[in-house]
Protein backbone atom coordinates (compact mmCIF):
# COMPACT_ATOMS: atom_id res chain seq x y z
CA MET A 1 -45.31 -3.18 -49.99
CA ASN A 2 -44.21 0.30 -49.39
CA ASN A 3 -45.58 0.27 -45.84
CA TRP A 4 -43.70 -2.99 -45.09
CA LEU A 5 -40.44 -1.22 -45.92
CA VAL A 6 -41.20 1.63 -43.74
CA LEU A 7 -42.18 -0.65 -40.81
CA ILE A 8 -38.94 -2.75 -41.40
CA GLY A 9 -36.75 0.25 -41.58
CA THR A 10 -38.26 1.76 -38.52
CA LEU A 11 -37.74 -1.65 -36.50
CA PHE A 12 -34.17 -1.85 -37.85
CA GLY A 13 -33.44 1.69 -36.84
CA THR A 14 -34.98 1.17 -33.23
CA MET A 15 -32.77 -1.90 -33.01
CA ILE A 16 -29.70 -0.06 -33.96
CA GLY A 17 -30.34 2.67 -31.53
CA THR A 18 -31.25 0.49 -28.63
CA ALA A 19 -28.02 -1.63 -29.36
CA GLY A 20 -26.02 1.63 -29.49
CA THR A 21 -27.63 2.89 -26.19
CA ILE A 22 -26.74 -0.49 -24.44
CA VAL A 23 -23.10 -0.41 -25.60
CA SER A 24 -22.55 3.16 -24.72
CA GLN A 25 -23.99 2.67 -21.22
CA HIS A 26 -21.88 -0.51 -20.76
CA LEU A 27 -18.68 1.33 -21.82
CA ALA A 28 -19.53 4.12 -19.56
CA SER A 29 -20.10 1.85 -16.65
CA HIS A 30 -16.92 0.15 -17.29
CA MET A 31 -14.96 3.31 -17.39
CA ALA A 32 -16.57 4.52 -14.05
CA GLU A 33 -15.58 1.20 -12.51
CA ARG A 34 -11.96 1.58 -13.72
CA ARG A 35 -11.74 5.19 -12.47
CA GLU A 36 -13.09 3.94 -8.95
CA ARG A 37 -10.59 1.05 -8.92
CA ALA A 38 -7.81 3.35 -9.73
CA ALA A 39 -8.97 5.83 -6.98
CA ARG A 40 -9.04 3.10 -4.34
CA ALA A 41 -5.57 1.83 -5.32
CA ALA A 42 -4.14 5.48 -5.07
CA GLU A 43 -5.78 5.73 -1.62
CA TYR A 44 -4.29 2.36 -0.47
CA ARG A 45 -0.86 3.31 -1.99
CA ALA A 46 -0.92 6.82 -0.15
CA GLU A 47 -1.95 5.16 3.14
CA ARG A 48 1.01 2.47 2.78
CA LEU A 49 3.43 5.23 1.86
CA HIS A 50 2.35 7.51 4.73
CA VAL A 51 2.69 4.72 7.45
CA SER A 52 5.75 3.41 6.01
CA GLU A 53 7.34 6.95 6.06
CA ALA A 54 6.23 7.34 9.70
CA MET A 55 7.61 3.88 10.63
CA ILE A 56 10.95 4.77 8.96
CA GLU A 57 11.20 8.05 11.12
CA VAL A 58 10.39 6.16 14.24
CA GLY A 59 12.86 3.40 13.40
CA GLN A 60 15.56 5.99 12.75
CA ALA A 61 14.80 7.75 16.05
CA ILE A 62 15.07 4.42 17.86
CA GLU A 63 18.31 3.50 16.10
CA ARG A 64 19.66 7.05 16.86
CA ALA A 65 18.87 6.50 20.53
CA ALA A 66 20.39 3.13 20.73
CA VAL A 67 23.56 4.35 18.99
CA ASN A 68 23.94 7.19 21.45
CA ARG A 69 22.98 4.84 24.36
CA ARG A 70 20.11 7.10 25.38
CA GLU A 71 17.48 5.83 27.86
CA PRO A 72 14.77 3.83 26.00
CA SER A 73 11.62 5.69 25.34
CA SER A 74 8.31 3.94 25.94
CA GLU A 75 6.55 6.64 23.95
CA LEU A 76 8.75 5.99 21.01
CA HIS A 77 8.35 2.28 21.35
CA ASP A 78 4.48 2.65 21.66
CA ARG A 79 4.34 4.68 18.42
CA LEU A 80 6.36 2.00 16.63
CA TRP A 81 3.94 -0.71 17.51
CA VAL A 82 0.84 1.35 16.72
CA LEU A 83 2.42 2.13 13.25
CA GLN A 84 3.11 -1.53 12.75
CA ALA A 85 -0.44 -2.37 13.46
CA ARG A 86 -1.68 0.19 11.10
CA LEU A 87 0.50 -1.04 8.42
CA ALA A 88 -0.32 -4.69 8.93
CA ILE A 89 -3.94 -3.79 8.15
CA VAL A 90 -3.22 -2.69 4.63
CA ALA A 91 0.10 -4.41 3.80
CA SER A 92 0.77 -7.57 1.79
CA ASP A 93 2.01 -10.75 3.60
CA ARG A 94 5.70 -10.08 2.33
CA LEU A 95 5.53 -6.68 3.71
CA LYS A 96 4.01 -7.66 7.00
CA ARG A 97 6.87 -10.31 7.34
CA THR A 98 9.82 -7.95 6.62
CA MET A 99 8.16 -5.22 8.72
CA ASN A 100 7.93 -7.73 11.63
CA ASP A 101 11.62 -8.65 11.40
CA TRP A 102 12.70 -5.10 11.38
CA VAL A 103 10.42 -4.17 14.29
CA ILE A 104 11.75 -7.22 16.21
CA ALA A 105 15.20 -5.90 15.55
CA LEU A 106 14.43 -2.54 16.58
CA ASN A 107 12.86 -3.80 19.74
CA CYS A 108 16.00 -5.58 20.55
CA VAL A 109 18.29 -2.49 20.09
CA HIS A 110 15.88 -0.22 21.78
CA TRP A 111 15.73 -2.14 24.96
CA GLU A 112 18.79 -4.31 25.03
CA GLY A 113 21.16 -2.68 22.52
CA ALA A 114 22.76 -4.43 19.60
CA PRO A 115 24.56 -7.90 20.09
CA ALA A 116 27.89 -7.30 21.61
CA ASP A 117 30.03 -7.92 18.47
CA GLN A 118 27.89 -5.74 16.26
CA LEU A 119 27.29 -2.05 15.77
CA VAL A 120 23.48 -0.91 16.02
CA TRP A 121 23.35 0.32 12.44
CA VAL A 122 25.06 -2.97 11.18
CA TYR A 123 22.72 -5.13 13.12
CA LEU A 124 19.55 -3.19 11.70
CA GLN A 125 20.90 -2.78 8.06
CA GLU A 126 19.73 -6.03 6.71
CA PRO A 127 16.11 -6.15 8.21
CA ARG A 128 15.68 -2.54 7.48
CA GLY A 129 16.90 -3.04 3.87
CA ARG A 130 14.45 -6.01 3.39
CA PHE A 131 11.52 -3.75 4.68
CA LEU A 132 12.45 -0.88 2.31
CA ASP A 133 12.80 -3.15 -0.62
CA ALA A 134 9.22 -4.67 0.31
CA VAL A 135 7.80 -1.12 0.68
CA SER A 136 9.14 -0.05 -2.77
CA ALA A 137 7.93 -3.27 -4.41
CA GLU A 138 4.40 -2.96 -2.87
CA LEU A 139 4.08 0.84 -3.87
CA ALA A 140 5.41 -0.08 -7.34
CA GLY A 141 2.93 -3.01 -7.83
CA LEU A 142 -0.03 -0.65 -6.77
CA GLU A 143 0.81 1.85 -9.41
CA ASN A 144 0.07 -0.68 -12.33
């Protein structure tokens, strides 16, 4: 009888140890996955932020050139389209739509100027505002 108690105790201890090992490995794996997802989200956020900031700089330069009625710059325009493509790769549909609206408005003022009855900054204010709101919403959503 004594041998059976030792055997049962040993088996019970082995089962508890095995269960503890399995649970701890599962928890460690789960935590590693969460850290990896958070790191990827941070990378996507940084990329979106970087490209958005670059687009804002180019957009401001195009707006300034249009206000001052300087000769349109193909280099500036090309940079805008490259940034648009880079952001389109990683952006949500909402951000892509607002970005495209703003880029089309910038393209218009860059080559043709604002419509005759509007100032450049007034013409660009709404599409730029929607773009900035979409960037803010997207970046805030990625922090969660």
